[in-house]
Amino acid sequence: MASNNPAPEALSPFTADGLGGPERTSEEWNPTAESIRPVRGKHRVAKQRGLARSSTVLGVGVIAAVGAGGMATAQSKPPVSISLPDSIADNLPDAKSLPGVGAFMSDEAEAAPVTAAPLTSAGITTAEADQGTTDAGEALRARILQQAEQQQASADAEAKAAEEKAAAEKAAADAKKQQDEAEAAAKAKIAAEKKAAEEAAAKKAEEERLAKLRASYTLPTSSYTITSTYGQSGALWSSGQHTGLDFAGSAGTPIKAVHGGTITSAGWAQAYGYRTVLQLEDGTEIWYAHQSSIEVSVGQKVTTGQTIGRMGDTGNVTGVHLHLEVRTAGGSAMDPAAWLNSKGLSV
């Protein structure tokens, strides 16, 4: 059976160096097990076309792997050697003659040298390069530090803003407190002034009232000395207590009507001696006792300050004086001094 494989002579259109030259034909290369059998002891290093491009790709991987910890350089590493058997290397076709590959390659492209950028400069931004940065690791480290500083500055700014906000809130609270205290003080002052004004007005009104009373009321005598007060205890009084107010003076001293009213009693009254009873319009009774003489009669109308009798020592007495009593309409005795004071009179 005839073999479909061409003769060895037909499969050797290459030159002795195995690289191919002008004598190369476009005949198809169909390798066989015999033609690609490894040859022991003979190895050659194939040309490393495109190694600059591979180094650049490798540099990108190195940058990604190294990170901020440092930057390794791959420029100092020796190229990787690839060994092929001479029989294979001698029979390898030129890359341009391979279907679909030669179109992508040209003599100018192969002749153009490819300059690999230093691995340490990969990943450096234009701004960093303009600033003189040449090491990517240092650039990354600087960017990380810059980011950390920015974050710290942002945190400090937030903390400062929080402090300023707290200070502003405290200042506002203090200002409000002071304002509230000032308003409270102002209100208290106004209330005190109002109260003082009301008290002053009330006092003035009372003084006016007493002035009117004084105009219509008067003391029972003008020359006297108080010798006994209301409620005083002693054996001199049959009840054990004094029921009136004693005005001591000279015999014959005039006794006056303390207010306008009607005489309801005038004459002898046992222990009271000569006594006159004056009834006021409100029913209050004024008793004048121990008189030496009476100058009014029952049913007579008298006015304030009118003489109704004379001071004496009649009845149960120890000396010349006027015994003055003040009684309600029902007959109950009260303190004459307090009653006279309520009419604007002082004894």
C-alpha atoms as a PDB file:
ATOM      1  CA  MET A   1       0.000   0.000   0.000  1.00  0.00           C
ATOM      2  CA  ALA A   2       1.410   3.267  -1.013  1.00  0.00           C
ATOM      3  CA  SER A   3       2.011   5.801   1.693  1.00  0.00           C
ATOM      4  CA  ASN A   4       0.325   9.139   1.504  1.00  0.00           C
ATOM      5  CA  ASN A   5       3.219  10.803   3.277  1.00  0.00           C
ATOM      6  CA  PRO A   6       5.636  12.558   1.012  1.00  0.00           C
ATOM      7  CA  ALA A   7       9.198  11.511   0.753  1.00  0.00           C
ATOM      8  CA  PRO A   8      11.705  12.963   3.112  1.00  0.00           C
ATOM      9  CA  GLU A   9      13.181  14.938   0.284  1.00  0.00           C
ATOM     10  CA  ALA A  10       9.837  16.553  -0.407  1.00  0.00           C
ATOM     11  CA  LEU A  11       9.501  17.501   3.256  1.00  0.00           C
ATOM     12  CA  SER A  12      12.819  19.322   3.423  1.00  0.00           C
ATOM     13  CA  PRO A  13      12.371  22.552   1.580  1.00  0.00           C
ATOM     14  CA  PHE A  14      14.193  24.332   4.400  1.00  0.00           C
ATOM     15  CA  THR A  15      17.798  25.390   4.603  1.00  0.00           C
ATOM     16  CA  ALA A  16      20.334  23.747   6.825  1.00  0.00           C
ATOM     17  CA  ASP A  17      19.871  26.151   9.655  1.00  0.00           C
ATOM     18  CA  GLY A  18      16.177  25.168   9.877  1.00  0.00           C
ATOM     19  CA  LEU A  19      14.998  28.769   9.871  1.00  0.00           C
ATOM     20  CA  GLY A  20      13.870  28.922   6.312  1.00  0.00           C
ATOM     21  CA  GLY A  21      15.200  31.127   3.571  1.00  0.00           C
ATOM     22  CA  PRO A  22      14.681  32.033  -0.021  1.00  0.00           C
ATOM     23  CA  GLU A  23      14.669  28.418  -1.004  1.00  0.00           C
ATOM     24  CA  ARG A  24      11.509  27.775   1.077  1.00  0.00           C
ATOM     25  CA  THR A  25       8.401  26.778  -0.821  1.00  0.00           C
ATOM     26  CA  SER A  26       4.764  27.146   0.010  1.00  0.00           C
ATOM     27  CA  GLU A  27       4.305  23.373   0.089  1.00  0.00           C
ATOM     28  CA  GLU A  28       2.147  22.174   3.025  1.00  0.00           C
ATOM     29  CA  TRP A  29       3.956  20.762   6.013  1.00  0.00           C
ATOM     30  CA  ASN A  30       2.473  17.492   7.242  1.00  0.00           C
ATOM     31  CA  PRO A  31       4.446  16.258  10.240  1.00  0.00           C
ATOM     32  CA  THR A  32       4.662  12.549  11.053  1.00  0.00           C
ATOM     33  CA  ALA A  33       5.712  10.600  14.098  1.00  0.00           C
ATOM     34  CA  GLU A  34       9.024  10.029  12.474  1.00  0.00           C
ATOM     35  CA  SER A  35       9.596  13.675  11.627  1.00  0.00           C
ATOM     36  CA  ILE A  36       8.834  14.939  15.110  1.00  0.00           C
ATOM     37  CA  ARG A  37      10.693  12.208  17.013  1.00  0.00           C
ATOM     38  CA  PRO A  38      12.812  13.789  19.740  1.00  0.00           C
ATOM     39  CA  VAL A  39      16.512  13.715  19.255  1.00  0.00           C
ATOM     40  CA  ARG A  40      18.513  13.130  22.331  1.00  0.00           C
ATOM     41  CA  GLY A  41      21.495  15.238  23.237  1.00  0.00           C
ATOM     42  CA  LYS A  42      20.839  18.087  20.887  1.00  0.00           C
ATOM     43  CA  HIS A  43      18.849  21.092  22.107  1.00  0.00           C
ATOM     44  CA  ARG A  44      18.618  24.646  20.953  1.00  0.00           C
ATOM     45  CA  VAL A  45      17.166  27.755  22.511  1.00  0.00           C
ATOM     46  CA  ALA A  46      14.374  29.177  20.443  1.00  0.00           C
ATOM     47  CA  LYS A  47      14.128  32.895  19.881  1.00  0.00           C
ATOM     48  CA  GLN A  48      11.780  34.558  22.380  1.00  0.00           C
ATOM     49  CA  ARG A  49       9.749  36.701  20.128  1.00  0.00           C
ATOM     50  CA  GLY A  50       7.268  38.998  21.840  1.00  0.00           C
ATOM     51  CA  LEU A  51       8.977  38.687  25.248  1.00  0.00           C
ATOM     52  CA  ALA A  52       8.699  42.442  25.877  1.00  0.00           C
ATOM     53  CA  ARG A  53       4.930  42.214  25.604  1.00  0.00           C
ATOM     54  CA  SER A  54       4.847  39.226  27.952  1.00  0.00           C
ATOM     55  CA  SER A  55       6.996  41.119  30.464  1.00  0.00           C
ATOM     56  CA  THR A  56       4.516  43.989  30.468  1.00  0.00           C
ATOM     57  CA  VAL A  57       1.612  41.634  31.144  1.00  0.00           C
ATOM     58  CA  LEU A  58       3.639  39.942  33.859  1.00  0.00           C
ATOM     59  CA  GLY A  59       4.391  43.374  35.374  1.00  0.00           C
ATOM     60  CA  VAL A  60       0.676  44.096  35.718  1.00  0.00           C
ATOM     61  CA  GLY A  61       0.217  40.843  37.592  1.00  0.00           C
ATOM     62  CA  VAL A  62       3.168  41.614  39.812  1.00  0.00           C
ATOM     63  CA  ILE A  63       1.756  45.046  40.699  1.00  0.00           C
ATOM     64  CA  ALA A  64      -1.591  43.499  41.605  1.00  0.00           C
ATOM     65  CA  ALA A  65       0.094  40.890  43.757  1.00  0.00           C
ATOM     66  CA  VAL A  66       2.629  43.081  45.515  1.00  0.00           C
ATOM     67  CA  GLY A  67       0.139  45.807  46.643  1.00  0.00           C
ATOM     68  CA  ALA A  68       1.149  48.480  49.159  1.00  0.00           C
ATOM     69  CA  GLY A  69       3.851  46.407  50.817  1.00  0.00           C
ATOM     70  CA  GLY A  70       6.499  47.103  48.229  1.00  0.00           C
ATOM     71  CA  MET A  71       7.264  46.805  44.572  1.00  0.00           C
ATOM     72  CA  ALA A  72       9.331  44.059  43.023  1.00  0.00           C
ATOM     73  CA  THR A  73      11.086  44.635  39.752  1.00  0.00           C
ATOM     74  CA  ALA A  74      11.094  42.019  37.048  1.00  0.00           C
ATOM     75  CA  GLN A  75      13.634  43.729  34.866  1.00  0.00           C
ATOM     76  CA  SER A  76      16.542  42.043  36.615  1.00  0.00           C
ATOM     77  CA  LYS A  77      15.167  38.526  36.070  1.00  0.00           C
ATOM     78  CA  PRO A  78      16.882  36.510  33.243  1.00  0.00           C
ATOM     79  CA  PRO A  79      14.777  35.447  30.266  1.00  0.00           C
ATOM     80  CA  VAL A  80      13.201  31.999  30.436  1.00  0.00           C
ATOM     81  CA  SER A  81      14.937  29.508  28.198  1.00  0.00           C
ATOM     82  CA  ILE A  82      12.908  27.061  26.145  1.00  0.00           C
ATOM     83  CA  SER A  83      14.654  24.037  24.666  1.00  0.00           C
ATOM     84  CA  LEU A  84      13.429  22.158  21.602  1.00  0.00           C
ATOM     85  CA  PRO A  85      14.937  19.141  19.831  1.00  0.00           C
ATOM     86  CA  ASP A  86      16.928  19.983  16.736  1.00  0.00           C
ATOM     87  CA  SER A  87      14.726  17.811  14.552  1.00  0.00           C
ATOM     88  CA  ILE A  88      11.642  19.730  15.580  1.00  0.00           C
ATOM     89  CA  ALA A  89      13.303  23.130  15.455  1.00  0.00           C
ATOM     90  CA  ASP A  90      14.735  22.397  11.998  1.00  0.00           C
ATOM     91  CA  ASN A  91      11.374  21.403  10.617  1.00  0.00           C
ATOM     92  CA  LEU A  92       9.264  24.196  12.206  1.00  0.00           C
ATOM     93  CA  PRO A  93       7.622  26.353   9.562  1.00  0.00           C
ATOM     94  CA  ASP A  94       7.983  30.090   9.543  1.00  0.00           C
ATOM     95  CA  ALA A  95       5.145  31.805  11.419  1.00  0.00           C
ATOM     96  CA  LYS A  96       4.268  33.930   8.412  1.00  0.00           C
ATOM     97  CA  SER A  97       3.616  30.816   6.330  1.00  0.00           C
ATOM     98  CA  LEU A  98       1.023  29.475   8.791  1.00  0.00           C
ATOM     99  CA  PRO A  99      -2.575  29.926   7.611  1.00  0.00           C
ATOM    100  CA  GLY A 100      -4.281  32.847   9.388  1.00  0.00           C
ATOM    101  CA  VAL A 101      -1.120  33.984  11.174  1.00  0.00           C
ATOM    102  CA  GLY A 102       1.063  35.584   8.542  1.00  0.00           C
ATOM    103  CA  ALA A 103      -1.565  38.268   7.913  1.00  0.00           C
ATOM    104  CA  PHE A 104      -1.019  39.628  11.421  1.00  0.00           C
ATOM    105  CA  MET A 105       2.730  39.884  11.103  1.00  0.00           C
ATOM    106  CA  SER A 106       4.950  42.136   9.019  1.00  0.00           C
ATOM    107  CA  ASP A 107       8.604  42.827   8.732  1.00  0.00           C
ATOM    108  CA  GLU A 108       8.133  46.296  10.098  1.00  0.00           C
ATOM    109  CA  ALA A 109       6.323  44.971  13.177  1.00  0.00           C
ATOM    110  CA  GLU A 110       9.098  42.471  13.794  1.00  0.00           C
ATOM    111  CA  ALA A 111      11.742  45.052  13.277  1.00  0.00           C
ATOM    112  CA  ALA A 112      10.121  47.591  15.566  1.00  0.00           C
ATOM    113  CA  PRO A 113      11.622  47.198  18.992  1.00  0.00           C
ATOM    114  CA  VAL A 114       9.217  46.980  21.907  1.00  0.00           C
ATOM    115  CA  THR A 115      10.296  48.891  24.953  1.00  0.00           C
ATOM    116  CA  ALA A 116       9.011  47.432  28.177  1.00  0.00           C
ATOM    117  CA  ALA A 117       8.123  49.963  30.844  1.00  0.00           C
ATOM    118  CA  PRO A 118       9.814  49.400  34.186  1.00  0.00           C
ATOM    119  CA  LEU A 119       7.659  47.266  36.422  1.00  0.00           C
ATOM    120  CA  THR A 120       8.156  49.701  39.297  1.00  0.00           C
ATOM    121  CA  SER A 121       6.482  52.492  37.335  1.00  0.00           C
ATOM    122  CA  ALA A 122       3.358  50.534  36.445  1.00  0.00           C
ATOM    123  CA  GLY A 123       0.166  51.905  38.039  1.00  0.00           C
ATOM    124  CA  ILE A 124       1.537  55.439  38.504  1.00  0.00           C
ATOM    125  CA  THR A 125      -0.914  58.183  37.596  1.00  0.00           C
ATOM    126  CA  THR A 126      -0.001  61.097  35.361  1.00  0.00           C
ATOM    127  CA  ALA A 127      -0.238  63.521  38.296  1.00  0.00           C
ATOM    128  CA  GLU A 128       2.107  61.333  40.350  1.00  0.00           C
ATOM    129  CA  ALA A 129       4.519  61.060  37.451  1.00  0.00           C
ATOM    130  CA  ASP A 130       4.472  64.851  37.074  1.00  0.00           C
ATOM    131  CA  GLN A 131       5.400  65.110  40.748  1.00  0.00           C
ATOM    132  CA  GLY A 132       8.452  62.912  40.186  1.00  0.00           C
ATOM    133  CA  THR A 133       7.060  59.639  41.509  1.00  0.00           C
ATOM    134  CA  THR A 134       8.749  56.627  39.872  1.00  0.00           C
ATOM    135  CA  ASP A 135       7.949  53.759  42.239  1.00  0.00           C
ATOM    136  CA  ALA A 136       4.435  52.314  42.050  1.00  0.00           C
ATOM    137  CA  GLY A 137       4.646  50.785  45.524  1.00  0.00           C
ATOM    138  CA  GLU A 138       5.578  54.109  47.058  1.00  0.00           C
ATOM    139  CA  ALA A 139       2.859  55.770  45.009  1.00  0.00           C
ATOM    140  CA  LEU A 140       0.278  53.276  46.262  1.00  0.00           C
ATOM    141  CA  ARG A 141       1.569  53.703  49.808  1.00  0.00           C
ATOM    142  CA  ALA A 142       1.332  57.464  49.429  1.00  0.00           C
ATOM    143  CA  ARG A 143      -2.222  57.169  48.108  1.00  0.00           C
ATOM    144  CA  ILE A 144      -3.202  54.927  51.030  1.00  0.00           C
ATOM    145  CA  LEU A 145      -1.647  57.355  53.516  1.00  0.00           C
ATOM    146  CA  GLN A 146      -3.347  60.248  51.781  1.00  0.00           C
ATOM    147  CA  GLN A 147      -6.676  58.428  51.946  1.00  0.00           C
ATOM    148  CA  ALA A 148      -6.103  57.655  55.645  1.00  0.00           C
ATOM    149  CA  GLU A 149      -5.258  61.306  56.274  1.00  0.00           C
ATOM    150  CA  GLN A 150      -8.386  62.380  54.420  1.00  0.00           C
ATOM    151  CA  GLN A 151     -10.487  59.958  56.468  1.00  0.00           C
ATOM    152  CA  GLN A 152      -8.872  61.183  59.689  1.00  0.00           C
ATOM    153  CA  ALA A 153      -9.409  64.777  58.622  1.00  0.00           C
ATOM    154  CA  SER A 154     -13.046  63.965  57.849  1.00  0.00           C
ATOM    155  CA  ALA A 155     -13.444  62.279  61.257  1.00  0.00           C
ATOM    156  CA  ASP A 156     -11.789  65.244  62.963  1.00  0.00           C
ATOM    157  CA  ALA A 157     -14.058  67.608  61.066  1.00  0.00           C
ATOM    158  CA  GLU A 158     -17.115  65.602  62.094  1.00  0.00           C
ATOM    159  CA  ALA A 159     -15.944  65.547  65.728  1.00  0.00           C
ATOM    160  CA  LYS A 160     -15.281  69.275  65.616  1.00  0.00           C
ATOM    161  CA  ALA A 161     -18.681  69.871  64.055  1.00  0.00           C
ATOM    162  CA  ALA A 162     -20.286  67.747  66.777  1.00  0.00           C
ATOM    163  CA  GLU A 163     -18.423  69.693  69.464  1.00  0.00           C
ATOM    164  CA  GLU A 164     -19.414  72.992  67.895  1.00  0.00           C
ATOM    165  CA  LYS A 165     -23.015  71.805  67.654  1.00  0.00           C
ATOM    166  CA  ALA A 166     -22.988  70.695  71.303  1.00  0.00           C
ATOM    167  CA  ALA A 167     -21.405  74.006  72.311  1.00  0.00           C
ATOM    168  CA  ALA A 168     -23.999  75.913  70.287  1.00  0.00           C
ATOM    169  CA  GLU A 169     -26.825  73.903  71.853  1.00  0.00           C
ATOM    170  CA  LYS A 170     -25.374  74.502  75.333  1.00  0.00           C
ATOM    171  CA  ALA A 171     -24.976  78.198  74.609  1.00  0.00           C
ATOM    172  CA  ALA A 172     -28.564  78.320  73.346  1.00  0.00           C
ATOM    173  CA  ALA A 173     -29.778  76.470  76.457  1.00  0.00           C
ATOM    174  CA  ASP A 174     -27.806  78.823  78.717  1.00  0.00           C
ATOM    175  CA  ALA A 175     -29.141  81.828  76.836  1.00  0.00           C
ATOM    176  CA  LYS A 176     -32.685  80.511  77.123  1.00  0.00           C
ATOM    177  CA  LYS A 177     -32.156  79.827  80.819  1.00  0.00           C
ATOM    178  CA  GLN A 178     -30.862  83.339  81.343  1.00  0.00           C
ATOM    179  CA  GLN A 179     -33.756  84.710  79.330  1.00  0.00           C
ATOM    180  CA  ASP A 180     -36.242  82.665  81.368  1.00  0.00           C
ATOM    181  CA  GLU A 181     -34.618  83.823  84.598  1.00  0.00           C
ATOM    182  CA  ALA A 182     -34.663  87.413  83.385  1.00  0.00           C
ATOM    183  CA  GLU A 183     -38.321  87.107  82.404  1.00  0.00           C
ATOM    184  CA  ALA A 184     -39.123  85.474  85.760  1.00  0.00           C
ATOM    185  CA  ALA A 185     -37.251  88.244  87.575  1.00  0.00           C
ATOM    186  CA  ALA A 186     -39.068  90.865  85.512  1.00  0.00           C
ATOM    187  CA  LYS A 187     -42.410  89.226  86.273  1.00  0.00           C
ATOM    188  CA  ALA A 188     -41.522  88.998  89.964  1.00  0.00           C
ATOM    189  CA  LYS A 189     -40.494  92.648  89.937  1.00  0.00           C
ATOM    190  CA  ILE A 190     -43.719  93.629  88.212  1.00  0.00           C
ATOM    191  CA  ALA A 191     -45.715  91.534  90.688  1.00  0.00           C
ATOM    192  CA  ALA A 192     -43.851  93.102  93.618  1.00  0.00           C
ATOM    193  CA  GLU A 193     -44.375  96.589  92.231  1.00  0.00           C
ATOM    194  CA  LYS A 194     -48.025  95.795  91.638  1.00  0.00           C
ATOM    195  CA  LYS A 195     -48.373  94.445  95.152  1.00  0.00           C
ATOM    196  CA  ALA A 196     -46.594  97.459  96.588  1.00  0.00           C
ATOM    197  CA  ALA A 197     -48.816  99.743  94.551  1.00  0.00           C
ATOM    198  CA  GLU A 198     -51.893  97.868  95.730  1.00  0.00           C
ATOM    199  CA  GLU A 199     -50.714  98.047  99.328  1.00  0.00           C
ATOM    200  CA  ALA A 200     -49.959 101.726  98.968  1.00  0.00           C
ATOM    201  CA  ALA A 201     -53.369 102.296  97.421  1.00  0.00           C
ATOM    202  CA  ALA A 202     -55.035 100.294 100.179  1.00  0.00           C
ATOM    203  CA  LYS A 203     -53.102 102.202 102.813  1.00  0.00           C
ATOM    204  CA  LYS A 204     -54.044 105.487 101.235  1.00  0.00           C
ATOM    205  CA  ALA A 205     -57.675 104.422 101.044  1.00  0.00           C
ATOM    206  CA  GLU A 206     -57.579 103.412 104.694  1.00  0.00           C
ATOM    207  CA  GLU A 207     -56.031 106.699 105.659  1.00  0.00           C
ATOM    208  CA  GLU A 208     -58.720 108.518 103.723  1.00  0.00           C
ATOM    209  CA  ARG A 209     -61.374 106.417 105.400  1.00  0.00           C
ATOM    210  CA  LEU A 210     -59.910 107.069 108.839  1.00  0.00           C
ATOM    211  CA  ALA A 211     -59.625 110.739 108.041  1.00  0.00           C
ATOM    212  CA  LYS A 212     -63.306 110.803 107.275  1.00  0.00           C
ATOM    213  CA  LEU A 213     -63.962 108.865 110.462  1.00  0.00           C
ATOM    214  CA  ARG A 214     -61.832 111.236 112.447  1.00  0.00           C
ATOM    215  CA  ALA A 215     -63.900 113.997 111.060  1.00  0.00           C
ATOM    216  CA  SER A 216     -67.004 112.262 112.415  1.00  0.00           C
ATOM    217  CA  TYR A 217     -65.450 110.605 115.526  1.00  0.00           C
ATOM    218  CA  THR A 218     -63.522 112.069 118.456  1.00  0.00           C
ATOM    219  CA  LEU A 219     -61.984 111.005 121.770  1.00  0.00           C
ATOM    220  CA  PRO A 220     -64.255 111.377 124.850  1.00  0.00           C
ATOM    221  CA  THR A 221     -61.878 113.884 126.491  1.00  0.00           C
ATOM    222  CA  SER A 222     -58.888 115.926 125.482  1.00  0.00           C
ATOM    223  CA  SER A 223     -56.809 115.901 128.702  1.00  0.00           C
ATOM    224  CA  TYR A 224     -56.313 112.495 130.289  1.00  0.00           C
ATOM    225  CA  THR A 225     -54.072 109.618 131.424  1.00  0.00           C
ATOM    226  CA  ILE A 226     -54.961 105.970 130.795  1.00  0.00           C
ATOM    227  CA  THR A 227     -54.955 104.206 134.197  1.00  0.00           C
ATOM    228  CA  SER A 228     -56.793 100.925 133.504  1.00  0.00           C
ATOM    229  CA  THR A 229     -57.294  98.985 130.242  1.00  0.00           C
ATOM    230  CA  TYR A 230     -59.933  96.573 128.993  1.00  0.00           C
ATOM    231  CA  GLY A 231     -59.766  93.016 130.430  1.00  0.00           C
ATOM    232  CA  GLN A 232     -57.397  93.898 133.245  1.00  0.00           C
ATOM    233  CA  SER A 233     -57.848  91.637 136.330  1.00  0.00           C
ATOM    234  CA  GLY A 234     -58.326  92.892 139.927  1.00  0.00           C
ATOM    235  CA  ALA A 235     -60.498  92.922 143.025  1.00  0.00           C
ATOM    236  CA  LEU A 236     -61.685  96.458 142.275  1.00  0.00           C
ATOM    237  CA  TRP A 237     -64.164  95.121 139.700  1.00  0.00           C
ATOM    238  CA  SER A 238     -67.106  92.973 140.672  1.00  0.00           C
ATOM    239  CA  SER A 239     -66.659  90.656 137.680  1.00  0.00           C
ATOM    240  CA  GLY A 240     -62.945  90.272 138.454  1.00  0.00           C
ATOM    241  CA  GLN A 241     -62.027  91.976 135.179  1.00  0.00           C
ATOM    242  CA  HIS A 242     -62.174  95.535 133.962  1.00  0.00           C
ATOM    243  CA  THR A 243     -64.884  95.971 131.331  1.00  0.00           C
ATOM    244  CA  GLY A 244     -63.877  99.399 130.033  1.00  0.00           C
ATOM    245  CA  LEU A 245     -61.102 101.969 129.562  1.00  0.00           C
ATOM    246  CA  ASP A 246     -60.318 104.546 132.288  1.00  0.00           C
ATOM    247  CA  PHE A 247     -59.316 108.124 131.388  1.00  0.00           C
ATOM    248  CA  ALA A 248     -58.035 109.839 134.577  1.00  0.00           C
ATOM    249  CA  GLY A 249     -58.168 113.623 134.737  1.00  0.00           C
ATOM    250  CA  SER A 250     -59.306 116.639 136.684  1.00  0.00           C
ATOM    251  CA  ALA A 251     -62.780 116.936 138.095  1.00  0.00           C
ATOM    252  CA  GLY A 252     -65.093 118.880 135.825  1.00  0.00           C
ATOM    253  CA  THR A 253     -63.165 118.100 132.629  1.00  0.00           C
ATOM    254  CA  PRO A 254     -65.669 118.098 129.719  1.00  0.00           C
ATOM    255  CA  ILE A 255     -66.839 114.709 128.392  1.00  0.00           C
ATOM    256  CA  LYS A 256     -67.698 114.635 124.669  1.00  0.00           C
ATOM    257  CA  ALA A 257     -69.906 112.529 122.441  1.00  0.00           C
ATOM    258  CA  VAL A 258     -67.542 110.359 120.398  1.00  0.00           C
ATOM    259  CA  HIS A 259     -70.006 110.304 117.490  1.00  0.00           C
ATOM    260  CA  GLY A 260     -73.427 111.558 116.578  1.00  0.00           C
ATOM    261  CA  GLY A 261     -76.309 109.572 118.053  1.00  0.00           C
ATOM    262  CA  THR A 262     -79.200 109.453 120.502  1.00  0.00           C
ATOM    263  CA  ILE A 263     -79.107 109.551 124.341  1.00  0.00           C
ATOM    264  CA  THR A 264     -80.891 106.408 125.590  1.00  0.00           C
ATOM    265  CA  SER A 265     -79.966 106.641 129.294  1.00  0.00           C
ATOM    266  CA  ALA A 266     -78.852 109.457 131.624  1.00  0.00           C
ATOM    267  CA  GLY A 267     -78.781 109.164 135.464  1.00  0.00           C
ATOM    268  CA  TRP A 268     -77.565 107.203 138.494  1.00  0.00           C
ATOM    269  CA  ALA A 269     -76.396 103.597 137.796  1.00  0.00           C
ATOM    270  CA  GLN A 270     -75.169 102.100 141.121  1.00  0.00           C
ATOM    271  CA  ALA A 271     -71.435 101.271 140.932  1.00  0.00           C
ATOM    272  CA  TYR A 272     -71.168 103.311 137.680  1.00  0.00           C
ATOM    273  CA  GLY A 273     -72.281 106.499 139.529  1.00  0.00           C
ATOM    274  CA  TYR A 274     -73.773 109.025 137.160  1.00  0.00           C
ATOM    275  CA  ARG A 275     -73.828 107.378 133.725  1.00  0.00           C
ATOM    276  CA  THR A 276     -74.895 108.476 130.244  1.00  0.00           C
ATOM    277  CA  VAL A 277     -75.574 105.966 127.398  1.00  0.00           C
ATOM    278  CA  LEU A 278     -75.161 107.170 123.769  1.00  0.00           C
ATOM    279  CA  GLN A 279     -76.535 104.900 121.006  1.00  0.00           C
ATOM    280  CA  LEU A 280     -75.031 105.283 117.530  1.00  0.00           C
ATOM    281  CA  GLU A 281     -76.857 104.697 114.260  1.00  0.00           C
ATOM    282  CA  ASP A 282     -75.465 101.141 113.924  1.00  0.00           C
ATOM    283  CA  GLY A 283     -76.749 100.202 117.396  1.00  0.00           C
ATOM    284  CA  THR A 284     -73.367 100.452 119.148  1.00  0.00           C
ATOM    285  CA  GLU A 285     -73.678 101.848 122.725  1.00  0.00           C
ATOM    286  CA  ILE A 286     -71.143 104.145 124.411  1.00  0.00           C
ATOM    287  CA  TRP A 287     -71.254 104.224 128.248  1.00  0.00           C
ATOM    288  CA  TYR A 288     -69.883 107.224 130.160  1.00  0.00           C
ATOM    289  CA  ALA A 289     -69.625 106.462 133.943  1.00  0.00           C
ATOM    290  CA  HIS A 290     -68.537 108.193 137.202  1.00  0.00           C
ATOM    291  CA  GLN A 291     -69.539 111.667 135.928  1.00  0.00           C
ATOM    292  CA  SER A 292     -69.834 114.517 138.305  1.00  0.00           C
ATOM    293  CA  SER A 293     -72.709 115.968 136.244  1.00  0.00           C
ATOM    294  CA  ILE A 294     -74.847 115.082 133.192  1.00  0.00           C
ATOM    295  CA  GLU A 295     -75.685 117.767 130.587  1.00  0.00           C
ATOM    296  CA  VAL A 296     -78.002 115.794 128.237  1.00  0.00           C
ATOM    297  CA  SER A 297     -81.363 114.035 128.565  1.00  0.00           C
ATOM    298  CA  VAL A 298     -82.844 110.802 127.286  1.00  0.00           C
ATOM    299  CA  GLY A 299     -83.953 110.977 123.642  1.00  0.00           C
ATOM    300  CA  GLN A 300     -81.718 113.916 122.841  1.00  0.00           C
ATOM    301  CA  LYS A 301     -79.785 113.893 119.542  1.00  0.00           C
ATOM    302  CA  VAL A 302     -76.159 114.837 119.880  1.00  0.00           C
ATOM    303  CA  THR A 303     -73.318 115.450 117.398  1.00  0.00           C
ATOM    304  CA  THR A 304     -69.674 114.495 117.379  1.00  0.00           C
ATOM    305  CA  GLY A 305     -67.678 116.422 119.994  1.00  0.00           C
ATOM    306  CA  GLN A 306     -70.743 117.780 121.825  1.00  0.00           C
ATOM    307  CA  THR A 307     -70.279 117.997 125.656  1.00  0.00           C
ATOM    308  CA  ILE A 308     -72.601 115.531 127.381  1.00  0.00           C
ATOM    309  CA  GLY A 309     -71.217 115.684 130.978  1.00  0.00           C
ATOM    310  CA  ARG A 310     -68.288 116.346 133.328  1.00  0.00           C
ATOM    311  CA  MET A 311     -65.543 114.085 134.686  1.00  0.00           C
ATOM    312  CA  GLY A 312     -66.023 113.074 138.377  1.00  0.00           C
ATOM    313  CA  ASP A 313     -65.605 110.280 140.940  1.00  0.00           C
ATOM    314  CA  THR A 314     -69.149 109.068 141.592  1.00  0.00           C
ATOM    315  CA  GLY A 315     -69.919 105.383 142.147  1.00  0.00           C
ATOM    316  CA  ASN A 316     -67.336 102.690 142.886  1.00  0.00           C
ATOM    317  CA  VAL A 317     -64.075 104.569 142.231  1.00  0.00           C
ATOM    318  CA  THR A 318     -60.687 105.318 143.732  1.00  0.00           C
ATOM    319  CA  GLY A 319     -60.255 108.700 142.021  1.00  0.00           C
ATOM    320  CA  VAL A 320     -61.545 111.159 139.442  1.00  0.00           C
ATOM    321  CA  HIS A 321     -61.771 109.526 136.004  1.00  0.00           C
ATOM    322  CA  LEU A 322     -64.054 108.645 133.094  1.00  0.00           C
ATOM    323  CA  HIS A 323     -64.951 104.983 132.772  1.00  0.00           C
ATOM    324  CA  LEU A 324     -65.729 104.439 129.064  1.00  0.00           C
ATOM    325  CA  GLU A 325     -67.381 101.262 127.792  1.00  0.00           C
ATOM    326  CA  VAL A 326     -68.256 100.211 124.225  1.00  0.00           C
ATOM    327  CA  ARG A 327     -70.972  97.579 123.762  1.00  0.00           C
ATOM    328  CA  THR A 328     -72.590  95.972 120.769  1.00  0.00           C
ATOM    329  CA  ALA A 329     -76.279  96.279 120.006  1.00  0.00           C
ATOM    330  CA  GLY A 330     -76.718  92.976 121.844  1.00  0.00           C
ATOM    331  CA  GLY A 331     -74.982  94.258 124.968  1.00  0.00           C
ATOM    332  CA  SER A 332     -71.607  92.473 124.709  1.00  0.00           C
ATOM    333  CA  ALA A 333     -68.619  94.510 125.863  1.00  0.00           C
ATOM    334  CA  MET A 334     -65.622  95.105 123.589  1.00  0.00           C
ATOM    335  CA  ASP A 335     -62.242  96.780 123.927  1.00  0.00           C
ATOM    336  CA  PRO A 336     -62.846 100.569 123.743  1.00  0.00           C
ATOM    337  CA  ALA A 337     -59.237 101.237 122.645  1.00  0.00           C
ATOM    338  CA  ALA A 338     -59.529  98.860 119.673  1.00  0.00           C
ATOM    339  CA  TRP A 339     -62.872 100.331 118.708  1.00  0.00           C
ATOM    340  CA  LEU A 340     -61.534 103.891 118.858  1.00  0.00           C
ATOM    341  CA  ASN A 341     -58.512 102.799 116.760  1.00  0.00           C
ATOM    342  CA  SER A 342     -60.872 101.384 114.119  1.00  0.00           C
ATOM    343  CA  LYS A 343     -62.341 104.879 113.861  1.00  0.00           C
ATOM    344  CA  GLY A 344     -58.949 106.428 113.238  1.00  0.00           C
ATOM    345  CA  LEU A 345     -58.404 107.514 116.823  1.00  0.00           C
ATOM    346  CA  SER A 346     -55.414 106.651 119.038  1.00  0.00           C
ATOM    347  CA  VAL A 347     -55.501 106.684 122.817  1.00  0.00           C
END
